[in-house]
């Protein structure tokens, strides 16, 4: 990713896809507060970090491919998904 406007668009799309994923899969409402792109030699993924909308102390994580918007890895406290 080279253009900052393009980066921002990709991050916004990834965040929307991530929010939908948490809602559809776990019935959780989340807010992402920061992101980090993986180095290009490690793939086309962006890490999204945030928390539950209703509980800012409960953190969540999502690694999503920014070309396909497919979820690669998800991190959520176990007690919320049982």
C-alpha atoms as a PDB file:
ATOM      1  CA  UNK A   1       0.000   0.000   0.000  1.00  0.00           C
ATOM      2  CA  UNK A   2       1.483   3.303  -0.978  1.00  0.00           C
ATOM      3  CA  UNK A   3      -1.185   6.000  -1.247  1.00  0.00           C
ATOM      4  CA  UNK A   4      -2.449   7.193   2.149  1.00  0.00           C
ATOM      5  CA  UNK A   5      -5.945   7.886   0.779  1.00  0.00           C
ATOM      6  CA  UNK A   6      -6.048   4.366  -0.650  1.00  0.00           C
ATOM      7  CA  UNK A   7      -4.805   3.012   2.696  1.00  0.00           C
ATOM      8  CA  UNK A   8      -7.606   4.852   4.519  1.00  0.00           C
ATOM      9  CA  UNK A   9     -10.229   3.444   2.138  1.00  0.00           C
ATOM     10  CA  UNK A  10      -8.901  -0.077   2.616  1.00  0.00           C
ATOM     11  CA  UNK A  11      -8.876   0.303   6.399  1.00  0.00           C
ATOM     12  CA  UNK A  12     -12.450   1.636   6.401  1.00  0.00           C
ATOM     13  CA  UNK A  13     -13.657  -1.279   4.262  1.00  0.00           C
ATOM     14  CA  UNK A  14     -11.770  -3.769   6.442  1.00  0.00           C
ATOM     15  CA  UNK A  15     -13.281  -2.254   9.606  1.00  0.00           C
ATOM     16  CA  UNK A  16     -16.794  -2.482   8.193  1.00  0.00           C
ATOM     17  CA  UNK A  17     -16.207  -6.106   7.148  1.00  0.00           C
ATOM     18  CA  UNK A  18     -14.785  -6.833  10.596  1.00  0.00           C
ATOM     19  CA  UNK A  19     -17.764  -5.305  12.382  1.00  0.00           C
ATOM     20  CA  UNK A  20     -20.126  -7.379  10.252  1.00  0.00           C
ATOM     21  CA  UNK A  21     -18.072 -10.510  10.957  1.00  0.00           C
ATOM     22  CA  UNK A  22     -18.271 -10.047  14.741  1.00  0.00           C
ATOM     23  CA  UNK A  23     -22.002  -9.299  14.549  1.00  0.00           C
ATOM     24  CA  UNK A  24     -22.828 -12.242  12.262  1.00  0.00           C
ATOM     25  CA  UNK A  25     -20.528 -14.815  13.861  1.00  0.00           C
ATOM     26  CA  UNK A  26     -20.656 -13.885  17.575  1.00  0.00           C
ATOM     27  CA  UNK A  27     -23.548 -11.381  17.855  1.00  0.00           C
ATOM     28  CA  UNK A  28     -21.086  -8.795  19.204  1.00  0.00           C
ATOM     29  CA  UNK A  29     -20.930  -5.087  18.442  1.00  0.00           C
ATOM     30  CA  UNK A  30     -17.350  -3.887  18.190  1.00  0.00           C
ATOM     31  CA  UNK A  31     -15.476  -0.673  17.577  1.00  0.00           C
ATOM     32  CA  UNK A  32     -12.018  -0.745  16.035  1.00  0.00           C
ATOM     33  CA  UNK A  33      -9.680   1.926  17.333  1.00  0.00           C
ATOM     34  CA  UNK A  34      -6.415   1.203  15.534  1.00  0.00           C
ATOM     35  CA  UNK A  35      -4.923  -0.863  12.752  1.00  0.00           C
ATOM     36  CA  UNK A  36      -1.574  -2.142  11.546  1.00  0.00           C
ATOM     37  CA  UNK A  37      -0.654  -3.381   8.080  1.00  0.00           C
ATOM     38  CA  UNK A  38       1.547  -6.463   7.867  1.00  0.00           C
ATOM     39  CA  UNK A  39       4.749  -5.905   5.891  1.00  0.00           C
ATOM     40  CA  UNK A  40       4.107  -6.713   2.199  1.00  0.00           C
ATOM     41  CA  UNK A  41       6.501  -9.676   2.291  1.00  0.00           C
ATOM     42  CA  UNK A  42       4.297 -11.286   4.986  1.00  0.00           C
ATOM     43  CA  UNK A  43       1.065 -11.021   3.018  1.00  0.00           C
ATOM     44  CA  UNK A  44      -1.851  -8.720   2.339  1.00  0.00           C
ATOM     45  CA  UNK A  45      -3.323  -8.516   5.824  1.00  0.00           C
ATOM     46  CA  UNK A  46      -4.243  -5.724   8.182  1.00  0.00           C
ATOM     47  CA  UNK A  47      -4.680  -6.185  11.910  1.00  0.00           C
ATOM     48  CA  UNK A  48      -7.642  -4.406  13.493  1.00  0.00           C
ATOM     49  CA  UNK A  49      -7.624  -3.729  17.224  1.00  0.00           C
ATOM     50  CA  UNK A  50     -10.580  -2.562  19.249  1.00  0.00           C
ATOM     51  CA  UNK A  51     -13.146  -3.361  21.903  1.00  0.00           C
ATOM     52  CA  UNK A  52     -16.776  -4.202  22.456  1.00  0.00           C
ATOM     53  CA  UNK A  53     -19.066  -1.222  21.971  1.00  0.00           C
ATOM     54  CA  UNK A  54     -20.802  -1.894  25.301  1.00  0.00           C
ATOM     55  CA  UNK A  55     -17.608  -2.703  27.237  1.00  0.00           C
ATOM     56  CA  UNK A  56     -14.466  -0.774  26.342  1.00  0.00           C
ATOM     57  CA  UNK A  57     -12.380  -2.974  28.661  1.00  0.00           C
ATOM     58  CA  UNK A  58     -13.074  -6.097  26.570  1.00  0.00           C
ATOM     59  CA  UNK A  59     -10.581  -6.054  23.713  1.00  0.00           C
ATOM     60  CA  UNK A  60     -10.960  -7.766  20.337  1.00  0.00           C
ATOM     61  CA  UNK A  61      -8.605  -8.379  17.433  1.00  0.00           C
ATOM     62  CA  UNK A  62      -9.106  -9.298  13.811  1.00  0.00           C
ATOM     63  CA  UNK A  63      -6.609 -10.065  11.066  1.00  0.00           C
ATOM     64  CA  UNK A  64      -8.232  -9.556   7.692  1.00  0.00           C
ATOM     65  CA  UNK A  65      -6.954  -9.829   4.136  1.00  0.00           C
ATOM     66  CA  UNK A  66      -7.269  -6.346   2.638  1.00  0.00           C
ATOM     67  CA  UNK A  67      -7.600  -7.632  -0.920  1.00  0.00           C
ATOM     68  CA  UNK A  68     -10.384 -10.175  -0.351  1.00  0.00           C
ATOM     69  CA  UNK A  69     -11.704  -8.927   3.029  1.00  0.00           C
ATOM     70  CA  UNK A  70     -11.691 -12.483   4.314  1.00  0.00           C
ATOM     71  CA  UNK A  71     -11.021 -12.980   8.014  1.00  0.00           C
ATOM     72  CA  UNK A  72      -7.715 -14.733   8.677  1.00  0.00           C
ATOM     73  CA  UNK A  73      -7.603 -14.728  12.489  1.00  0.00           C
ATOM     74  CA  UNK A  74      -9.896 -13.504  15.229  1.00  0.00           C
ATOM     75  CA  UNK A  75      -9.213 -12.779  18.881  1.00  0.00           C
ATOM     76  CA  UNK A  76     -12.093 -12.512  21.342  1.00  0.00           C
ATOM     77  CA  UNK A  77     -12.340 -13.593  24.999  1.00  0.00           C
ATOM     78  CA  UNK A  78     -13.446 -17.229  25.199  1.00  0.00           C
ATOM     79  CA  UNK A  79     -16.254 -16.553  27.643  1.00  0.00           C
ATOM     80  CA  UNK A  80     -18.003 -14.446  24.988  1.00  0.00           C
ATOM     81  CA  UNK A  81     -18.075 -17.163  22.341  1.00  0.00           C
ATOM     82  CA  UNK A  82     -19.098 -20.195  24.391  1.00  0.00           C
END
